Amino acid sequence: MQAAALELVIAAIAAWLAIGALGLVRTRSLVYISRGLFPIEAAIALALGVVAFIAIPLPAQTTVLPLGVLTGVTDEADIYLRLPKRQPSRVPS
């Protein structure tokens, strides 16, 4: 499980994206979405929870995605996300 935990997490993310794309195909069909896609997404979430629970005692892992983006935690490269500062909103009085 140690070598496959990160790959399973990435596979779960890819599956969620694919199911989201399937949801865009028939956006007005509530039966298709509520009885088809939601249970599949719940099963993926449950599987992800099991993988995460099993991987808790394992050491941190890293991988390089095909786009070249480093994921995981390493000592050599830290990735930061910079967000612009939000201006305070003015409430009309």
C-alpha atoms as a PDB file:
ATOM      1  CA  MET A   1       0.000   0.000   0.000  1.00  0.00           C
ATOM      2  CA  GLN A   2       2.915   2.347   0.657  1.00  0.00           C
ATOM      3  CA  ALA A   3       3.891   2.875  -2.973  1.00  0.00           C
ATOM      4  CA  ALA A   4       0.335   2.966  -4.250  1.00  0.00           C
ATOM      5  CA  ALA A   5      -1.314   5.367  -1.778  1.00  0.00           C
ATOM      6  CA  LEU A   6      -0.460   8.554  -3.647  1.00  0.00           C
ATOM      7  CA  GLU A   7      -1.357   6.994  -6.982  1.00  0.00           C
ATOM      8  CA  LEU A   8      -4.741   5.958  -5.602  1.00  0.00           C
ATOM      9  CA  VAL A   9      -5.398   9.497  -4.391  1.00  0.00           C
ATOM     10  CA  ILE A  10      -4.539  10.873  -7.838  1.00  0.00           C
ATOM     11  CA  ALA A  11      -6.779   8.236  -9.428  1.00  0.00           C
ATOM     12  CA  ALA A  12      -9.651   9.300  -7.147  1.00  0.00           C
ATOM     13  CA  ILE A  13      -9.196  12.919  -8.208  1.00  0.00           C
ATOM     14  CA  ALA A  14      -9.180  11.896 -11.871  1.00  0.00           C
ATOM     15  CA  ALA A  15     -12.331   9.821 -11.337  1.00  0.00           C
ATOM     16  CA  TRP A  16     -14.091  12.767  -9.684  1.00  0.00           C
ATOM     17  CA  LEU A  17     -13.181  14.975 -12.637  1.00  0.00           C
ATOM     18  CA  ALA A  18     -14.499  12.363 -15.071  1.00  0.00           C
ATOM     19  CA  ILE A  19     -17.764  12.022 -13.141  1.00  0.00           C
ATOM     20  CA  GLY A  20     -18.091  15.798 -13.096  1.00  0.00           C
ATOM     21  CA  ALA A  21     -17.718  15.808 -16.881  1.00  0.00           C
ATOM     22  CA  LEU A  22     -20.394  13.111 -17.115  1.00  0.00           C
ATOM     23  CA  GLY A  23     -22.658  15.289 -15.000  1.00  0.00           C
ATOM     24  CA  LEU A  24     -22.320  18.064 -17.547  1.00  0.00           C
ATOM     25  CA  VAL A  25     -23.656  15.786 -20.272  1.00  0.00           C
ATOM     26  CA  ARG A  26     -27.147  15.537 -18.765  1.00  0.00           C
ATOM     27  CA  THR A  27     -27.489  18.449 -16.390  1.00  0.00           C
ATOM     28  CA  ARG A  28     -31.297  18.400 -16.283  1.00  0.00           C
ATOM     29  CA  SER A  29     -31.702  14.705 -15.479  1.00  0.00           C
ATOM     30  CA  LEU A  30     -32.039  14.534 -11.718  1.00  0.00           C
ATOM     31  CA  VAL A  31     -32.473  10.759 -11.729  1.00  0.00           C
ATOM     32  CA  TYR A  32     -29.215  10.289 -13.663  1.00  0.00           C
ATOM     33  CA  ILE A  33     -27.320  12.546 -11.298  1.00  0.00           C
ATOM     34  CA  SER A  34     -28.921  11.613  -7.968  1.00  0.00           C
ATOM     35  CA  ARG A  35     -29.163   7.845  -8.482  1.00  0.00           C
ATOM     36  CA  GLY A  36     -26.218   7.373 -10.795  1.00  0.00           C
ATOM     37  CA  LEU A  37     -23.421   9.836 -10.252  1.00  0.00           C
ATOM     38  CA  PHE A  38     -23.793  10.704  -6.564  1.00  0.00           C
ATOM     39  CA  PRO A  39     -23.507   7.080  -5.345  1.00  0.00           C
ATOM     40  CA  ILE A  40     -20.428   6.581  -7.507  1.00  0.00           C
ATOM     41  CA  GLU A  41     -18.863   9.724  -6.066  1.00  0.00           C
ATOM     42  CA  ALA A  42     -19.723   8.547  -2.545  1.00  0.00           C
ATOM     43  CA  ALA A  43     -18.017   5.214  -3.203  1.00  0.00           C
ATOM     44  CA  ILE A  44     -14.908   7.023  -4.440  1.00  0.00           C
ATOM     45  CA  ALA A  45     -14.930   9.229  -1.333  1.00  0.00           C
ATOM     46  CA  LEU A  46     -15.245   6.167   0.903  1.00  0.00           C
ATOM     47  CA  ALA A  47     -12.361   4.459  -0.901  1.00  0.00           C
ATOM     48  CA  LEU A  48     -10.278   7.617  -0.570  1.00  0.00           C
ATOM     49  CA  GLY A  49     -11.000   7.688   3.152  1.00  0.00           C
ATOM     50  CA  VAL A  50      -9.875   4.079   3.524  1.00  0.00           C
ATOM     51  CA  VAL A  51      -6.663   4.777   1.594  1.00  0.00           C
ATOM     52  CA  ALA A  52      -6.005   7.870   3.721  1.00  0.00           C
ATOM     53  CA  PHE A  53      -6.610   5.947   6.957  1.00  0.00           C
ATOM     54  CA  ILE A  54      -4.226   3.180   5.907  1.00  0.00           C
ATOM     55  CA  ALA A  55      -1.590   5.678   4.740  1.00  0.00           C
ATOM     56  CA  ILE A  56      -1.525   7.719   7.980  1.00  0.00           C
ATOM     57  CA  PRO A  57       1.504   5.952   9.518  1.00  0.00           C
ATOM     58  CA  LEU A  58       3.415   5.827   6.216  1.00  0.00           C
ATOM     59  CA  PRO A  59       6.070   8.399   5.330  1.00  0.00           C
ATOM     60  CA  ALA A  60       5.173  11.355   3.096  1.00  0.00           C
ATOM     61  CA  GLN A  61       5.318  10.700  -0.637  1.00  0.00           C
ATOM     62  CA  THR A  62       5.963  12.880  -3.661  1.00  0.00           C
ATOM     63  CA  THR A  63       5.292  12.497  -7.342  1.00  0.00           C
ATOM     64  CA  VAL A  64       5.614  14.602 -10.462  1.00  0.00           C
ATOM     65  CA  LEU A  65       2.409  14.985 -12.420  1.00  0.00           C
ATOM     66  CA  PRO A  66       2.564  14.741 -16.217  1.00  0.00           C
ATOM     67  CA  LEU A  67       2.256  18.529 -16.403  1.00  0.00           C
ATOM     68  CA  GLY A  68       5.471  18.847 -14.420  1.00  0.00           C
ATOM     69  CA  VAL A  69       3.847  20.105 -11.234  1.00  0.00           C
ATOM     70  CA  LEU A  70       5.447  18.706  -8.093  1.00  0.00           C
ATOM     71  CA  THR A  71       2.963  17.326  -5.597  1.00  0.00           C
ATOM     72  CA  GLY A  72       3.514  16.120  -2.087  1.00  0.00           C
ATOM     73  CA  VAL A  73       5.813  17.356   0.642  1.00  0.00           C
ATOM     74  CA  THR A  74       9.553  17.613   0.096  1.00  0.00           C
ATOM     75  CA  ASP A  75      12.433  19.436   1.738  1.00  0.00           C
ATOM     76  CA  GLU A  76      13.919  20.552  -1.576  1.00  0.00           C
ATOM     77  CA  ALA A  77      10.999  22.335  -3.198  1.00  0.00           C
ATOM     78  CA  ASP A  78       8.164  24.158  -1.536  1.00  0.00           C
ATOM     79  CA  ILE A  79       5.286  25.397  -3.635  1.00  0.00           C
ATOM     80  CA  TYR A  80       3.459  28.479  -2.447  1.00  0.00           C
ATOM     81  CA  LEU A  81       0.179  29.876  -3.646  1.00  0.00           C
ATOM     82  CA  ARG A  82      -0.039  33.641  -3.560  1.00  0.00           C
ATOM     83  CA  LEU A  83      -3.462  35.175  -3.472  1.00  0.00           C
ATOM     84  CA  PRO A  84      -4.051  38.875  -3.947  1.00  0.00           C
ATOM     85  CA  LYS A  85      -5.061  40.796  -0.880  1.00  0.00           C
ATOM     86  CA  ARG A  86      -8.766  41.357  -0.712  1.00  0.00           C
ATOM     87  CA  GLN A  87      -9.890  44.936  -0.419  1.00  0.00           C
ATOM     88  CA  PRO A  88     -12.311  45.593   2.430  1.00  0.00           C
ATOM     89  CA  SER A  89     -15.804  46.056   1.175  1.00  0.00           C
ATOM     90  CA  ARG A  90     -17.553  49.298   1.896  1.00  0.00           C
ATOM     91  CA  VAL A  91     -21.017  49.103   3.313  1.00  0.00           C
ATOM     92  CA  PRO A  92     -23.242  51.987   2.256  1.00  0.00           C
ATOM     93  CA  SER A  93     -24.636  53.853   5.200  1.00  0.00           C
END
